[in-house]
Amino acid sequence: MYKETGKEKMIRFSIISAIAAVTLYLFVSQYTPTSDPAVVQPEQNQVKQMTVVLQEINEEHHAPKLAMVKEHENQPMLIIYEVDVESNYRFETQYAINLADAPIDIKRDEVSDGVWLKTEDSKWTYYNRELEQVKREEKNISKEQPTFSVDINEVDSKQYELQIKNEDGTVLKKELDEEPLSVVRLSEQNDLWFVVFDENTILLVP
């Protein structure tokens, strides 16, 4: 069996030490601010996940479409998804853009496939179906109210009971491990629902 000489051992340890030093330098350089003067960016508001349905499943449309605000790499994003129900409910990204500020509300347009976002200064901004900013009067913001109600009751410290009701009674009842932020309907037949949490989302069926 080959026995390493003292000189070879010293060279090997020197190489290992050099590699470790370079790795540490790169790590520290990546996460440590440089001494060069830099413009201090204002702290961004926390991104709250929110969504609005653009198209439900019905006789004419077999894939629901929704717009969603979420955080990606510490930046707020606006994304339009289409849900492929035939492929295990896969979410397919249609369009996506970065946002300068985290919005506080989201609405659909009254007649188009566009989306409205509201920022903390109470200003509404319209994005068309391809998520391009377009000037549009705020009177076109949809005022449509849901035809169902959502009740969320805390069962214990780690369980929440979700109940969705319409004029015919209870549509869906489900126990969850986390309190939802919002619930939207993806099908006119009340057989597909999208639940938004602080960081996660789930699909529910009755």
Protein backbone atom coordinates (compact mmCIF):
# COMPACT_ATOMS: atom_id res chain seq x y z
CA MET A 1 0.00 0.00 0.00
CA TYR A 2 1.40 3.38 -0.99
CA LYS A 3 2.50 5.50 1.95
CA GLU A 4 2.30 9.24 1.58
CA THR A 5 5.51 11.13 2.30
CA GLY A 6 5.57 14.07 4.65
CA LYS A 7 6.12 16.47 1.76
CA GLU A 8 3.21 15.05 -0.23
CA LYS A 9 0.99 15.21 2.83
CA MET A 10 1.92 18.86 3.36
CA ILE A 11 1.13 19.65 -0.30
CA ARG A 12 -2.24 17.86 -0.02
CA PHE A 13 -3.20 19.78 3.12
CA SER A 14 -2.04 23.01 1.51
CA ILE A 15 -4.30 22.38 -1.49
CA ILE A 16 -7.26 21.53 0.77
CA SER A 17 -6.64 24.65 2.84
CA ALA A 18 -6.43 26.80 -0.27
CA ILE A 19 -9.69 25.40 -1.63
CA ALA A 20 -11.40 25.94 1.76
CA ALA A 21 -10.10 29.51 1.91
CA VAL A 22 -11.38 30.29 -1.58
CA THR A 23 -14.77 28.72 -0.81
CA LEU A 24 -15.07 30.72 2.41
CA TYR A 25 -14.08 33.91 0.59
CA LEU A 26 -16.71 33.37 -2.09
CA PHE A 27 -19.37 32.62 0.52
CA VAL A 28 -18.54 35.68 2.59
CA SER A 29 -18.30 37.87 -0.52
CA GLN A 30 -21.74 36.73 -1.59
CA TYR A 31 -23.48 37.53 1.69
CA THR A 32 -21.40 40.42 3.03
CA PRO A 33 -22.03 43.96 1.76
CA THR A 34 -19.10 45.60 0.03
CA SER A 35 -17.53 48.77 1.31
CA ASP A 36 -18.39 50.67 -1.88
CA PRO A 37 -21.04 53.35 -1.44
CA ALA A 38 -24.45 52.08 -2.43
CA VAL A 39 -27.94 53.48 -2.62
CA VAL A 40 -30.00 52.22 0.30
CA GLN A 41 -33.15 50.63 -1.03
CA PRO A 42 -36.33 51.17 0.99
CA GLU A 43 -37.57 48.10 2.80
CA GLN A 44 -40.32 46.42 0.82
CA ASN A 45 -43.65 45.53 2.30
CA GLN A 46 -44.29 41.89 3.06
CA VAL A 47 -45.82 40.12 0.08
CA LYS A 48 -49.26 38.76 0.87
CA GLN A 49 -50.39 35.93 -1.36
CA MET A 50 -53.66 36.77 -3.10
CA THR A 51 -55.56 35.56 -6.12
CA VAL A 52 -58.53 36.30 -8.34
CA VAL A 53 -60.25 33.96 -10.76
CA LEU A 54 -60.28 35.06 -14.39
CA GLN A 55 -62.12 32.06 -15.81
CA GLU A 56 -64.02 29.24 -14.13
CA ILE A 57 -64.66 25.82 -15.57
CA ASN A 58 -67.96 25.76 -17.43
CA GLU A 59 -69.51 24.36 -20.59
CA GLU A 60 -67.31 26.55 -22.79
CA HIS A 61 -64.04 26.47 -20.83
CA HIS A 62 -62.46 23.29 -19.52
CA ALA A 63 -59.45 24.86 -17.82
CA PRO A 64 -59.73 27.49 -15.09
CA LYS A 65 -57.52 30.54 -15.23
CA LEU A 66 -56.44 32.73 -12.33
CA ALA A 67 -54.13 35.61 -11.51
CA MET A 68 -51.99 35.41 -8.40
CA VAL A 69 -49.66 37.64 -6.44
CA LYS A 70 -46.86 35.77 -4.70
CA GLU A 71 -43.28 36.19 -3.57
CA HIS A 72 -40.39 34.84 -5.61
CA GLU A 73 -36.77 35.43 -4.58
CA ASN A 74 -37.89 38.18 -2.17
CA GLN A 75 -39.73 40.02 -4.94
CA PRO A 76 -43.49 40.38 -5.46
CA MET A 77 -44.71 38.82 -8.70
CA LEU A 78 -47.96 38.82 -10.63
CA ILE A 79 -48.61 35.55 -12.44
CA ILE A 80 -51.41 34.24 -14.61
CA TYR A 81 -51.93 30.49 -14.36
CA GLU A 82 -54.06 28.07 -16.31
CA VAL A 83 -54.89 24.84 -14.49
CA ASP A 84 -54.65 21.74 -16.65
CA VAL A 85 -57.25 19.53 -14.97
CA GLU A 86 -56.49 16.67 -17.37
CA SER A 87 -52.83 16.55 -16.25
CA ASN A 88 -53.23 16.13 -12.51
CA TYR A 89 -54.26 19.78 -12.07
CA ARG A 90 -50.91 21.10 -13.22
CA PHE A 91 -50.51 24.87 -12.95
CA GLU A 92 -49.16 26.24 -16.21
CA THR A 93 -47.72 29.76 -16.19
CA GLN A 94 -49.16 31.89 -18.98
CA TYR A 95 -47.56 35.23 -18.09
CA ALA A 96 -45.48 36.53 -15.16
CA ILE A 97 -43.98 39.90 -14.23
CA ASN A 98 -42.06 41.38 -11.30
CA LEU A 99 -43.81 44.11 -9.34
CA ALA A 100 -42.16 47.20 -7.90
CA ASP A 101 -44.32 47.11 -4.75
CA ALA A 102 -46.36 44.49 -2.97
CA PRO A 103 -50.06 45.12 -3.62
CA ILE A 104 -52.71 45.02 -0.91
CA ASP A 105 -55.65 43.99 -3.09
CA ILE A 106 -56.42 42.33 -6.39
CA LYS A 107 -59.56 42.50 -8.56
CA ARG A 108 -60.53 41.30 -12.00
CA ASP A 109 -61.75 43.64 -14.72
CA GLU A 110 -65.47 44.01 -15.36
CA VAL A 111 -65.37 42.99 -19.03
CA SER A 112 -61.80 42.07 -20.04
CA ASP A 113 -59.38 39.33 -18.96
CA GLY A 114 -57.25 41.94 -17.21
CA VAL A 115 -56.29 42.36 -13.56
CA TRP A 116 -56.32 45.33 -11.20
CA LEU A 117 -53.81 45.72 -8.35
CA LYS A 118 -54.12 48.17 -5.48
CA THR A 119 -51.05 49.52 -3.67
CA GLU A 120 -50.80 51.09 -0.21
CA ASP A 121 -51.26 54.57 -1.64
CA SER A 122 -54.79 53.44 -2.69
CA LYS A 123 -53.80 53.60 -6.34
CA TRP A 124 -55.20 51.00 -8.72
CA THR A 125 -53.13 49.79 -11.69
CA TYR A 126 -54.56 47.82 -14.60
CA TYR A 127 -52.73 44.94 -16.33
CA ASN A 128 -54.14 43.43 -19.50
CA ARG A 129 -54.34 39.71 -20.26
CA GLU A 130 -50.61 39.68 -21.12
CA LEU A 131 -49.79 41.61 -17.92
CA GLU A 132 -48.89 44.82 -19.69
CA GLN A 133 -49.74 48.05 -17.87
CA VAL A 134 -52.47 49.87 -19.74
CA LYS A 135 -54.32 53.06 -18.84
CA ARG A 136 -57.92 52.26 -17.96
CA GLU A 137 -60.64 53.92 -15.91
CA GLU A 138 -61.19 52.49 -12.44
CA LYS A 139 -64.91 52.21 -13.09
CA ASN A 140 -64.04 49.00 -14.96
CA ILE A 141 -62.96 47.25 -11.76
CA SER A 142 -65.31 44.33 -11.19
CA LYS A 143 -67.80 44.76 -8.35
CA GLU A 144 -69.05 41.20 -8.64
CA GLN A 145 -69.75 39.51 -5.32
CA PRO A 146 -69.25 35.78 -4.74
CA THR A 147 -72.31 33.54 -4.71
CA PHE A 148 -70.95 31.56 -1.77
CA SER A 149 -69.80 32.23 1.78
CA VAL A 150 -66.68 30.98 3.55
CA ASP A 151 -66.62 30.16 7.27
CA ILE A 152 -63.33 29.38 9.00
CA ASN A 153 -63.49 28.14 12.60
CA GLU A 154 -60.50 27.35 14.78
CA VAL A 155 -60.96 23.83 16.15
CA ASP A 156 -57.76 23.91 18.21
CA SER A 157 -54.34 25.54 18.01
CA LYS A 158 -53.37 23.49 14.96
CA GLN A 159 -56.67 22.74 13.24
CA TYR A 160 -59.13 24.89 11.32
CA GLU A 161 -62.50 23.87 9.95
CA LEU A 162 -63.37 25.30 6.55
CA GLN A 163 -66.99 25.42 5.44
CA ILE A 164 -68.17 26.74 2.08
CA LYS A 165 -71.89 27.38 1.69
CA ASN A 166 -74.24 28.67 -0.97
CA GLU A 167 -78.00 29.11 -1.13
CA ASP A 168 -78.44 25.33 -1.35
CA GLY A 169 -76.45 24.62 1.81
CA THR A 170 -72.97 23.34 2.59
CA VAL A 171 -70.87 22.75 -0.53
CA LEU A 172 -67.59 21.76 1.09
CA LYS A 173 -66.39 20.99 4.62
CA LYS A 174 -62.72 20.35 5.31
CA GLU A 175 -60.29 20.41 8.24
CA LEU A 176 -57.01 22.21 7.58
CA ASP A 177 -53.70 22.46 9.43
CA GLU A 178 -53.35 26.18 8.69
CA GLU A 179 -55.70 29.15 8.60
CA PRO A 180 -56.45 30.16 4.99
CA LEU A 181 -56.08 33.71 3.72
CA SER A 182 -58.69 33.28 1.02
CA VAL A 183 -60.74 30.72 -0.89
CA VAL A 184 -61.86 31.04 -4.51
CA ARG A 185 -64.01 28.89 -6.76
CA LEU A 186 -62.52 27.46 -9.96
CA SER A 187 -65.61 25.69 -11.28
CA GLU A 188 -69.20 26.84 -11.80
CA GLN A 189 -70.25 23.37 -10.66
CA ASN A 190 -68.72 23.99 -7.19
CA ASP A 191 -66.46 20.97 -7.58
CA LEU A 192 -63.04 22.67 -7.56
CA TRP A 193 -61.74 25.20 -5.04
CA PHE A 194 -58.43 26.98 -4.58
CA VAL A 195 -57.24 27.77 -1.04
CA VAL A 196 -54.51 30.32 -0.38
CA PHE A 197 -52.36 30.30 2.77
CA ASP A 198 -49.47 32.51 3.90
CA GLU A 199 -46.95 30.58 1.84
CA ASN A 200 -48.75 27.60 0.31
CA THR A 201 -51.82 26.83 -1.78
CA ILE A 202 -54.01 23.75 -2.20
CA LEU A 203 -56.82 22.56 -4.44
CA LEU A 204 -59.93 21.07 -2.85
CA VAL A 205 -62.78 19.02 -4.26
CA PRO A 206 -65.99 18.08 -2.38
